[in-house]
Amino acid sequence: MNKLRIVALGSFASVTSNLFAYHFLPDGKENNDQILLVDCGLGFVQEDTPETKLVSPDVDYLIKRKNKIVGLVLTHGHEDHIGALPEVLTQLGVSFPIWASKLTAAMAQRKLDEAKIGQKIKIFATGQSLSLGSFKLYSIGVTHSLPGTFHFLIETPIGNFYHGTDFKFDLTPPDGILPELGRIARLSQKPVLALLSDCLGAEKKGYSPSETILNEMFKQEIANSKGRVFITAISSNFYRWQRALEASAEFGRKVALVGFSIRKNVKIASEQGYVQLDRRQLVDDRKIKNIPDNKLTLLIAGGLGQAGSSLTRVAAGKHRIKVKKTDKFIFSSPDYIPGTTASINNLINNLVEQGAKVIYEELGEELHVSGHGSRQELALLINLVSAKYLLPIGGEWRHRQQYGLLAAQMGYSPSQILLPKAASFPTFWENGKVDFNFQLGLKPKPLNR
C-alpha cells in the first residue's frame, strides 16, 4: 500500500529551522520513492547565551536519499526558512529544481551567489501550479511580515496536503495585496488529508493587528527624539523599514543602513518594488559624523543579538559607531523566538548602561505587530481547508497544545489532532490512516559564519 511520510528535519516542535520532507513511498517501500522539500531555514541555539548562535537542520536523512529529491519549494524569505540553503545544498551535493516567489527567489539567490553555488532559483508565481515528480503544487498568496509569502496545496498519490507555514490574514496590508482566501477555499474543495498550520499565535485571542498600525508609533518616537534614532528589526522585515523611512522623511531625517544584511535586503526589496527608496534620503554610515544627530535615523541589523551583528558590536563598543547618551534605540521586536531572550536582554542592558534611551515592548509600547495569525485566523484557516487531520508546525509544545485545544473546540477529535513527539514523524497511508511508527533522532549542526 502506498504511503507518505512527513519528516520535519528541524523538528515539529521548533519555531525556527524549518525544513520539511514529504517522502512518498510507493507500495510502502523505499523503491522508486520520491522526496519533495519545503523550506530550508536556519535555527537558533535553544539556550541562554550572551549572543545568539545559529544552527543548520540535520539533513542526514536526506543525504542517504539525496537522489530521491525531486525539488524544493520556499514559502518566504525569512532566515528561518531560507537561511540554511548554502550549507544544506553543499552537504547534499546534488542538483534539483528550487522554486519560490519572485521576492523570495531574489533573496535566496543572493545567498547562493555569495556562497558561489551555481544554482538558479526559479520563479513560482501566485496562482501557478507546478509538477515535481509525483507531486503537484498550487501556490497561494498569504500575508505575513514580508511580501511574497506562499502557502502550498500539495497533491500526492495518497491524498492532498495543505502546507500553511507562517501567515496572518491581514485585510489592510501595507502593500495592498490581500491574502487569497477565495483560492484557499476553491483548492480545498478537493478533500485535504492533512493541514500543516503555523501555530505560533495560538495563545493569542482574536486577530493579529495589521502592520499599518505602527506608522504612528514610529512618527511619535522620532518626533520626541532630540538625538539619533536607531531602529532595529529583522533585516528582511521590509514593511517595517518602509514605515521607518517614511516617518524619518516626514521629520527631515537622513537614514543610514547599518549592517551587511540590511543593506542587501533593502536593496533587493527596492529592486523588486517593495521598498520605495529616495536616494537623497540615504547616507553612508561611514559619513554620519557630518549629519546633525537630530537629523539622523539609523536602521540597524542585529536586534536578536546575533554574534557579530552590527547592533551587537555597537552595544559592545566594538563598532565605529559609538553610543551617545542622547541616542534612542527602538527594538521593533520580532515574534517569540526561543534561544534569543538572553542575547536581546544583554543588548538592552549594555545600551542602557551607556546612557542611551531604549524603547522595547516590555515597557508597554506598541513596537511590533506579529506576522503570525492569532486564534481567529488559525480557526479560519482550519475552517477553509476542512482537512481530515491537523498537524501544527512552527511553534513549541505550548503553542501546539493551544492549537490542539482550539481544534477540539471546533469539533476535531483527539485522533485527528496530530501532536507527534520530538523523534516521531507521521506516516499517512492511502486508506486514510496515519501512524507514528517512524522514529528519527535529529542533531542540528552549528553554523560557522
Protein backbone atom coordinates (compact mmCIF):
# COMPACT_ATOMS: atom_id res chain seq x y z
CA MET A 1 0.00 0.00 0.00
CA ASN A 2 1.30 3.49 -0.88
CA LYS A 3 2.24 5.82 1.94
CA LEU A 4 3.70 9.26 2.54
CA ARG A 5 5.98 10.18 5.43
CA ILE A 6 6.44 13.77 6.59
CA VAL A 7 9.78 14.41 8.28
CA ALA A 8 10.39 17.79 9.94
CA LEU A 9 14.17 17.99 9.87
CA GLY A 10 14.13 20.89 12.31
CA SER A 11 11.50 19.05 14.46
CA PHE A 12 7.74 19.66 14.60
CA ALA A 13 8.23 21.42 17.96
CA SER A 14 10.65 24.05 16.62
CA VAL A 15 9.79 27.68 15.88
CA THR A 16 12.76 28.05 13.52
CA SER A 17 15.00 25.74 11.43
CA ASN A 18 12.16 24.93 9.04
CA LEU A 19 12.84 22.08 6.59
CA PHE A 20 10.10 19.58 5.73
CA ALA A 21 10.48 16.44 3.65
CA TYR A 22 7.37 14.93 2.03
CA HIS A 23 8.58 11.39 1.33
CA PHE A 24 6.33 9.35 -0.98
CA LEU A 25 6.89 5.58 -0.79
CA PRO A 26 5.07 3.52 -3.47
CA ASP A 27 3.89 0.19 -2.08
CA GLY A 28 5.16 1.36 1.31
CA LYS A 29 8.81 0.73 0.41
CA GLU A 30 11.88 2.81 -0.44
CA ASN A 31 11.78 1.68 -4.03
CA ASN A 32 11.04 4.31 -6.69
CA ASP A 33 10.33 6.66 -3.80
CA GLN A 34 10.41 10.47 -4.15
CA ILE A 35 11.01 13.37 -1.78
CA LEU A 36 9.64 16.91 -2.02
CA LEU A 37 11.28 19.52 0.24
CA VAL A 38 9.58 22.61 1.64
CA ASP A 39 11.82 25.38 3.04
CA CYS A 40 15.44 25.26 4.16
CA GLY A 41 15.93 27.54 7.16
CA LEU A 42 18.46 28.06 9.90
CA GLY A 43 17.64 27.92 13.59
CA PHE A 44 18.75 29.43 16.88
CA VAL A 45 20.54 27.67 19.71
CA GLN A 46 17.91 26.71 22.28
CA GLU A 47 19.76 28.02 25.33
CA ASP A 48 20.52 31.29 27.04
CA THR A 49 23.85 32.63 25.80
CA PRO A 50 25.34 36.15 25.67
CA GLU A 51 25.00 36.10 21.88
CA THR A 52 22.51 34.27 19.69
CA LYS A 53 24.13 31.38 17.79
CA LEU A 54 22.84 29.74 14.63
CA VAL A 55 22.31 26.11 13.64
CA SER A 56 21.51 24.26 10.42
CA PRO A 57 18.95 21.42 10.23
CA ASP A 58 20.18 17.83 10.45
CA VAL A 59 19.99 16.54 6.87
CA ASP A 60 21.46 13.05 7.36
CA TYR A 61 18.04 11.66 6.41
CA LEU A 62 18.32 13.44 3.05
CA ILE A 63 21.98 12.68 2.42
CA LYS A 64 21.16 8.96 2.44
CA ARG A 65 18.33 9.59 -0.06
CA LYS A 66 19.62 12.62 -1.97
CA ASN A 67 18.93 11.14 -5.40
CA LYS A 68 15.26 10.79 -4.48
CA ILE A 69 14.73 14.56 -4.13
CA VAL A 70 12.52 15.91 -6.94
CA GLY A 71 12.56 19.55 -5.88
CA LEU A 72 12.43 22.22 -3.18
CA VAL A 73 9.87 25.00 -2.76
CA LEU A 74 10.35 28.01 -0.47
CA THR A 75 7.44 29.65 1.35
CA HIS A 76 9.05 33.05 2.08
CA GLY A 77 12.31 34.88 2.60
CA HIS A 78 12.88 34.85 6.36
CA GLU A 79 16.17 33.37 7.52
CA ASP A 80 14.47 30.53 9.38
CA HIS A 81 13.04 29.42 6.01
CA ILE A 82 15.87 30.10 3.54
CA GLY A 83 18.95 30.81 5.66
CA ALA A 84 20.46 27.30 5.58
CA LEU A 85 20.29 26.88 1.80
CA PRO A 86 24.06 27.18 1.13
CA GLU A 87 25.00 24.71 3.87
CA VAL A 88 22.32 22.16 3.01
CA LEU A 89 22.93 22.23 -0.75
CA THR A 90 26.66 21.84 -0.14
CA GLN A 91 26.06 18.85 2.13
CA LEU A 92 23.69 17.17 -0.33
CA GLY A 93 25.95 17.74 -3.32
CA VAL A 94 23.18 17.10 -5.85
CA SER A 95 21.17 19.42 -8.08
CA PHE A 96 17.39 19.60 -8.06
CA PRO A 97 14.98 22.42 -9.01
CA ILE A 98 14.27 25.14 -6.43
CA TRP A 99 11.16 27.30 -6.75
CA ALA A 100 9.96 30.42 -4.90
CA SER A 101 8.01 33.65 -5.31
CA LYS A 102 9.81 36.45 -7.14
CA LEU A 103 10.97 38.24 -3.96
CA THR A 104 11.86 35.05 -2.06
CA ALA A 105 13.80 33.80 -5.08
CA ALA A 106 15.80 37.04 -5.24
CA MET A 107 16.69 36.80 -1.54
CA ALA A 108 17.61 33.13 -1.72
CA GLN A 109 19.57 33.60 -4.96
CA ARG A 110 21.77 36.18 -3.25
CA LYS A 111 22.74 33.60 -0.65
CA LEU A 112 23.65 31.04 -3.28
CA ASP A 113 25.63 33.58 -5.31
CA GLU A 114 27.58 34.71 -2.25
CA ALA A 115 28.37 31.08 -1.45
CA LYS A 116 29.42 30.57 -5.10
CA ILE A 117 26.78 27.89 -5.62
CA GLY A 118 25.89 27.97 -9.30
CA GLN A 119 22.21 27.08 -8.97
CA LYS A 120 19.45 29.33 -10.30
CA ILE A 121 16.20 29.56 -8.38
CA LYS A 122 13.05 29.51 -10.49
CA ILE A 123 10.07 31.83 -10.08
CA PHE A 124 6.82 30.30 -8.85
CA ALA A 125 4.06 32.88 -9.39
CA THR A 126 0.95 33.12 -7.26
CA GLY A 127 -1.90 31.21 -8.85
CA GLN A 128 0.50 28.88 -10.63
CA SER A 129 0.62 25.08 -10.44
CA LEU A 130 3.81 23.07 -10.60
CA SER A 131 4.53 19.36 -11.10
CA LEU A 132 7.59 17.85 -9.43
CA GLY A 133 7.73 14.07 -9.83
CA SER A 134 4.63 12.54 -8.24
CA PHE A 135 3.75 15.85 -6.55
CA LYS A 136 1.64 18.70 -7.92
CA LEU A 137 1.73 22.02 -6.09
CA TYR A 138 -0.55 25.06 -6.13
CA SER A 139 0.75 28.35 -4.72
CA ILE A 140 -1.47 30.53 -2.52
CA GLY A 141 -0.55 34.09 -1.60
CA VAL A 142 -0.91 34.94 2.10
CA THR A 143 0.10 37.89 4.27
CA HIS A 144 2.99 37.75 6.72
CA SER A 145 5.62 40.25 7.91
CA LEU A 146 7.17 40.42 4.45
CA PRO A 147 5.75 40.22 0.92
CA GLY A 148 5.85 37.23 -1.39
CA THR A 149 4.77 34.66 1.21
CA PHE A 150 3.15 31.45 -0.05
CA HIS A 151 1.15 28.55 1.25
CA PHE A 152 1.00 25.41 -0.89
CA LEU A 153 -1.65 22.83 -1.62
CA ILE A 154 0.31 19.66 -2.40
CA GLU A 155 -1.35 16.87 -4.37
CA THR A 156 0.23 13.45 -3.79
CA PRO A 157 -0.74 9.92 -4.86
CA ILE A 158 -2.13 9.20 -1.38
CA GLY A 159 -4.03 12.47 -0.82
CA ASN A 160 -3.81 16.25 -0.64
CA PHE A 161 -1.82 18.20 1.94
CA TYR A 162 -2.04 21.91 2.77
CA HIS A 163 1.31 23.36 3.85
CA GLY A 164 0.42 26.53 5.75
CA THR A 165 3.55 27.86 7.40
CA ASP A 166 3.95 31.44 8.76
CA PHE A 167 0.93 33.59 7.96
CA LYS A 168 -1.70 36.02 9.15
CA PHE A 169 -4.85 37.23 7.41
CA ASP A 170 -4.19 40.98 7.17
CA LEU A 171 -7.05 42.66 5.31
CA THR A 172 -5.32 46.06 5.29
CA PRO A 173 -1.73 45.08 4.38
CA PRO A 174 0.80 47.86 3.68
CA ASP A 175 1.24 46.80 0.04
CA GLY A 176 -2.48 46.32 -0.57
CA ILE A 177 -2.05 42.67 -1.63
CA LEU A 178 -4.74 40.70 0.20
CA PRO A 179 -4.48 37.08 1.32
CA GLU A 180 -6.07 34.73 -1.21
CA LEU A 181 -8.87 33.40 0.98
CA GLY A 182 -11.04 32.53 -2.00
CA ARG A 183 -8.26 30.47 -3.56
CA ILE A 184 -7.79 28.55 -0.31
CA ALA A 185 -11.49 27.71 -0.31
CA ARG A 186 -11.53 26.71 -4.00
CA LEU A 187 -8.46 24.50 -3.80
CA SER A 188 -9.74 22.88 -0.61
CA GLN A 189 -12.87 21.68 -2.39
CA LYS A 190 -10.71 18.70 -3.23
CA PRO A 191 -10.56 16.70 0.04
CA VAL A 192 -7.48 17.60 2.09
CA LEU A 193 -5.94 14.77 4.09
CA ALA A 194 -3.87 16.96 6.42
CA LEU A 195 -3.39 20.65 7.19
CA LEU A 196 0.08 21.63 8.39
CA SER A 197 -0.53 25.00 10.01
CA ASP A 198 1.51 27.74 11.66
CA CYS A 199 0.57 27.72 15.36
CA LEU A 200 2.85 30.37 16.92
CA GLY A 201 -0.09 32.70 17.60
CA ALA A 202 -2.35 30.04 19.13
CA GLU A 203 -2.07 31.58 22.61
CA LYS A 204 -3.43 34.94 21.46
CA LYS A 205 -7.14 35.70 21.21
CA GLY A 206 -8.79 37.42 18.29
CA TYR A 207 -6.93 38.58 15.18
CA SER A 208 -3.35 39.74 14.76
CA PRO A 209 -3.23 43.53 14.16
CA SER A 210 -2.22 44.94 10.80
CA GLU A 211 1.32 46.15 10.15
CA THR A 212 -0.10 49.56 9.24
CA ILE A 213 -0.81 50.45 12.90
CA LEU A 214 2.93 51.00 13.50
CA ASN A 215 3.02 54.16 11.36
CA GLU A 216 2.03 56.45 14.23
CA MET A 217 4.42 54.77 16.71
CA PHE A 218 7.44 55.49 14.55
CA LYS A 219 6.32 59.07 13.98
CA GLN A 220 5.81 59.72 17.70
CA GLU A 221 9.13 58.22 18.75
CA ILE A 222 11.05 60.14 16.09
CA ALA A 223 9.22 63.40 16.79
CA ASN A 224 10.11 63.14 20.50
CA SER A 225 13.82 62.46 19.89
CA LYS A 226 16.46 65.17 20.13
CA GLY A 227 19.31 62.85 19.10
CA ARG A 228 19.96 59.93 16.80
CA VAL A 229 17.27 57.26 16.46
CA PHE A 230 18.32 53.64 15.95
CA ILE A 231 15.60 51.23 14.78
CA THR A 232 16.23 47.51 14.76
CA ALA A 233 14.10 44.67 13.41
CA ILE A 234 14.64 41.51 11.42
CA SER A 235 16.59 42.61 8.34
CA SER A 236 14.02 41.09 5.96
CA ASN A 237 11.06 42.92 7.54
CA PHE A 238 10.56 45.24 4.58
CA TYR A 239 7.25 46.62 5.77
CA ARG A 240 8.94 47.80 8.98
CA TRP A 241 11.79 49.52 7.11
CA GLN A 242 9.35 51.26 4.77
CA ARG A 243 7.42 52.69 7.74
CA ALA A 244 10.69 53.87 9.35
CA LEU A 245 11.85 55.52 6.11
CA GLU A 246 8.55 57.34 5.71
CA ALA A 247 8.48 58.57 9.31
CA SER A 248 12.10 59.75 9.09
CA ALA A 249 11.39 61.63 5.85
CA GLU A 250 8.44 63.41 7.48
CA PHE A 251 10.81 64.90 10.07
CA GLY A 252 13.60 65.69 7.64
CA ARG A 253 15.95 62.95 8.82
CA LYS A 254 18.61 61.29 6.76
CA VAL A 255 18.73 57.48 7.02
CA ALA A 256 21.77 55.21 7.27
CA LEU A 257 21.52 51.45 6.70
CA VAL A 258 23.91 49.80 9.15
CA GLY A 259 24.85 46.16 8.57
CA PHE A 260 25.52 43.93 5.59
CA SER A 261 22.24 42.01 5.79
CA ILE A 262 20.00 45.07 5.99
CA ARG A 263 21.80 46.82 3.11
CA LYS A 264 21.48 43.74 0.90
CA ASN A 265 17.86 43.01 1.80
CA VAL A 266 16.67 46.61 1.40
CA LYS A 267 18.46 46.77 -1.97
CA ILE A 268 16.65 43.62 -3.12
CA ALA A 269 13.29 44.88 -1.82
CA SER A 270 13.83 48.20 -3.60
CA GLU A 271 14.67 46.46 -6.87
CA GLN A 272 11.53 44.35 -6.55
CA GLY A 273 9.37 47.40 -5.77
CA TYR A 274 8.56 46.52 -2.14
CA VAL A 275 10.54 49.39 -0.57
CA GLN A 276 10.46 52.90 -2.03
CA LEU A 277 13.88 54.47 -1.59
CA ASP A 278 14.73 58.13 -2.13
CA ARG A 279 18.49 58.01 -2.65
CA ARG A 280 18.72 61.63 -1.49
CA GLN A 281 17.50 60.50 1.95
CA LEU A 282 20.18 57.82 2.37
CA VAL A 283 23.60 58.48 3.83
CA ASP A 284 26.59 56.16 4.12
CA ASP A 285 27.01 55.08 7.74
CA ARG A 286 30.72 55.97 7.45
CA LYS A 287 29.79 59.62 6.86
CA ILE A 288 27.20 60.17 9.57
CA LYS A 289 29.51 62.49 11.52
CA ASN A 290 28.56 65.16 9.01
CA ILE A 291 24.84 64.86 9.89
CA PRO A 292 23.35 66.57 12.99
CA ASP A 293 22.18 63.95 15.49
CA ASN A 294 18.60 65.25 15.45
CA LYS A 295 18.51 64.77 11.68
CA LEU A 296 19.65 61.14 11.59
CA THR A 297 17.92 57.75 11.76
CA LEU A 298 19.90 54.52 11.65
CA LEU A 299 18.23 51.28 10.56
CA ILE A 300 20.45 48.64 12.09
CA ALA A 301 20.62 44.86 11.85
CA GLY A 302 21.11 42.53 14.83
CA GLY A 303 18.08 43.01 17.07
CA LEU A 304 18.18 39.32 18.06
CA GLY A 305 21.70 39.70 19.42
CA GLN A 306 23.30 37.60 16.69
CA ALA A 307 27.01 37.13 17.20
CA GLY A 308 28.97 39.61 15.08
CA SER A 309 25.93 41.65 14.04
CA SER A 310 26.14 45.44 13.81
CA LEU A 311 23.94 46.16 16.82
CA THR A 312 25.78 43.62 18.98
CA ARG A 313 29.09 45.31 18.11
CA VAL A 314 27.69 48.82 18.69
CA ALA A 315 26.39 47.81 22.11
CA ALA A 316 29.74 46.23 23.00
CA GLY A 317 31.73 49.27 21.85
CA LYS A 318 33.36 47.31 19.02
CA HIS A 319 31.84 49.25 16.10
CA ARG A 320 32.93 52.56 14.56
CA ILE A 321 29.52 53.92 15.64
CA LYS A 322 29.69 54.72 19.35
CA VAL A 323 26.72 55.02 21.69
CA LYS A 324 25.79 58.52 22.88
CA LYS A 325 23.61 59.43 25.84
CA THR A 326 21.28 61.32 23.51
CA ASP A 327 20.65 58.21 21.38
CA LYS A 328 17.32 56.39 21.26
CA PHE A 329 17.19 52.70 20.34
CA ILE A 330 13.83 51.25 19.24
CA PHE A 331 13.55 47.46 19.36
CA SER A 332 10.71 46.74 16.96
CA SER A 333 10.74 43.29 18.45
CA PRO A 334 10.29 40.08 16.49
CA ASP A 335 7.83 37.34 17.33
CA TYR A 336 8.81 34.98 20.09
CA ILE A 337 11.95 33.10 19.08
CA PRO A 338 13.37 30.69 21.66
CA GLY A 339 17.08 30.91 22.27
CA THR A 340 17.24 34.70 21.77
CA THR A 341 15.90 36.07 25.08
CA ALA A 342 19.23 36.30 26.93
CA SER A 343 21.05 37.89 23.99
CA ILE A 344 18.32 40.52 23.48
CA ASN A 345 18.32 41.36 27.18
CA ASN A 346 22.11 41.59 27.10
CA LEU A 347 21.88 44.09 24.23
CA ILE A 348 19.34 46.24 26.04
CA ASN A 349 21.33 46.19 29.28
CA ASN A 350 24.54 47.23 27.51
CA LEU A 351 22.83 50.15 25.79
CA VAL A 352 21.05 51.35 28.95
CA GLU A 353 24.29 51.13 30.92
CA GLN A 354 25.89 53.52 28.42
CA GLY A 355 23.12 56.07 28.99
CA ALA A 356 21.05 55.56 25.84
CA LYS A 357 17.27 55.52 25.92
CA VAL A 358 15.95 52.11 24.88
CA ILE A 359 12.34 51.50 23.83
CA TYR A 360 11.22 47.89 23.92
CA GLU A 361 7.92 46.05 24.16
CA GLU A 362 8.11 45.12 27.84
CA LEU A 363 7.71 48.84 28.61
CA GLY A 364 4.18 48.59 27.24
CA GLU A 365 4.98 50.29 23.94
CA GLU A 366 3.27 49.09 20.74
CA LEU A 367 6.50 48.48 18.85
CA HIS A 368 5.70 45.33 16.95
CA VAL A 369 2.80 43.50 15.39
CA SER A 370 3.06 39.81 14.81
CA GLY A 371 3.42 38.28 11.37
CA HIS A 372 1.61 35.23 12.71
CA GLY A 373 -2.13 34.73 12.92
CA SER A 374 -3.91 34.68 16.27
CA ARG A 375 -6.60 32.17 17.25
CA GLN A 376 -9.34 33.51 14.98
CA GLU A 377 -7.09 33.43 11.92
CA LEU A 378 -5.95 29.91 12.74
CA ALA A 379 -9.58 28.89 13.17
CA LEU A 380 -10.48 30.48 9.83
CA LEU A 381 -7.76 28.50 8.02
CA ILE A 382 -8.91 25.29 9.71
CA ASN A 383 -12.46 26.02 8.57
CA LEU A 384 -11.50 26.91 4.99
CA VAL A 385 -9.29 23.85 4.48
CA SER A 386 -11.52 21.35 6.32
CA ALA A 387 -8.76 18.74 6.48
CA LYS A 388 -9.19 15.28 7.99
CA TYR A 389 -6.08 15.73 10.15
CA LEU A 390 -4.43 18.78 11.69
CA LEU A 391 -0.68 18.98 12.25
CA PRO A 392 0.50 22.23 13.90
CA ILE A 393 4.01 23.43 12.94
CA GLY A 394 6.20 26.46 13.62
CA GLY A 395 5.67 26.53 17.36
CA GLU A 396 6.88 24.99 20.60
CA TRP A 397 4.93 22.47 22.65
CA ARG A 398 2.84 25.13 24.41
CA HIS A 399 1.74 26.65 21.07
CA ARG A 400 0.90 23.23 19.64
CA GLN A 401 -1.12 22.36 22.73
CA GLN A 402 -3.16 25.57 22.46
CA TYR A 403 -3.72 24.89 18.75
CA GLY A 404 -5.00 21.44 19.68
CA LEU A 405 -7.41 22.91 22.23
CA LEU A 406 -8.68 25.34 19.59
CA ALA A 407 -9.21 22.49 17.12
CA ALA A 408 -11.07 20.48 19.77
CA GLN A 409 -13.42 23.43 20.32
CA MET A 410 -14.09 23.34 16.57
CA GLY A 411 -15.16 19.68 16.73
CA TYR A 412 -11.95 17.81 15.89
CA SER A 413 -11.42 14.58 17.81
CA PRO A 414 -8.11 13.78 19.59
CA SER A 415 -7.26 11.23 16.87
CA GLN A 416 -7.47 13.99 14.22
CA ILE A 417 -5.15 16.41 16.05
CA LEU A 418 -1.60 15.19 15.47
CA LEU A 419 0.95 16.24 18.09
CA PRO A 420 3.95 13.94 17.49
CA LYS A 421 6.78 13.66 20.00
CA ALA A 422 10.14 15.16 19.07
CA ALA A 423 11.59 11.99 17.50
CA SER A 424 8.34 10.71 15.90
CA PHE A 425 7.10 11.54 12.42
CA PRO A 426 3.71 10.80 10.83
CA THR A 427 3.20 8.31 8.03
CA PHE A 428 -0.04 8.70 6.04
CA TRP A 429 -1.46 5.67 4.17
CA GLU A 430 -3.63 5.75 1.08
CA ASN A 431 -6.51 4.25 3.07
CA GLY A 432 -6.59 7.48 5.13
CA LYS A 433 -4.90 6.07 8.24
CA VAL A 434 -1.89 7.61 9.99
CA ASP A 435 0.74 6.18 12.33
CA PHE A 436 3.88 7.37 14.13
CA ASN A 437 5.99 4.24 13.84
CA PHE A 438 8.88 6.06 12.13
CA GLN A 439 11.44 7.38 14.61
CA LEU A 440 14.43 9.64 13.89
CA GLY A 441 16.83 11.46 16.20
CA LEU A 442 17.90 14.90 14.98
CA LYS A 443 21.14 16.74 15.72
CA PRO A 444 21.25 20.34 14.40
CA LYS A 445 24.69 21.45 13.22
CA PRO A 446 26.30 24.74 14.33
CA LEU A 447 26.78 27.34 11.59
CA ASN A 448 30.21 28.94 11.47
CA ARG A 449 29.60 32.32 9.81
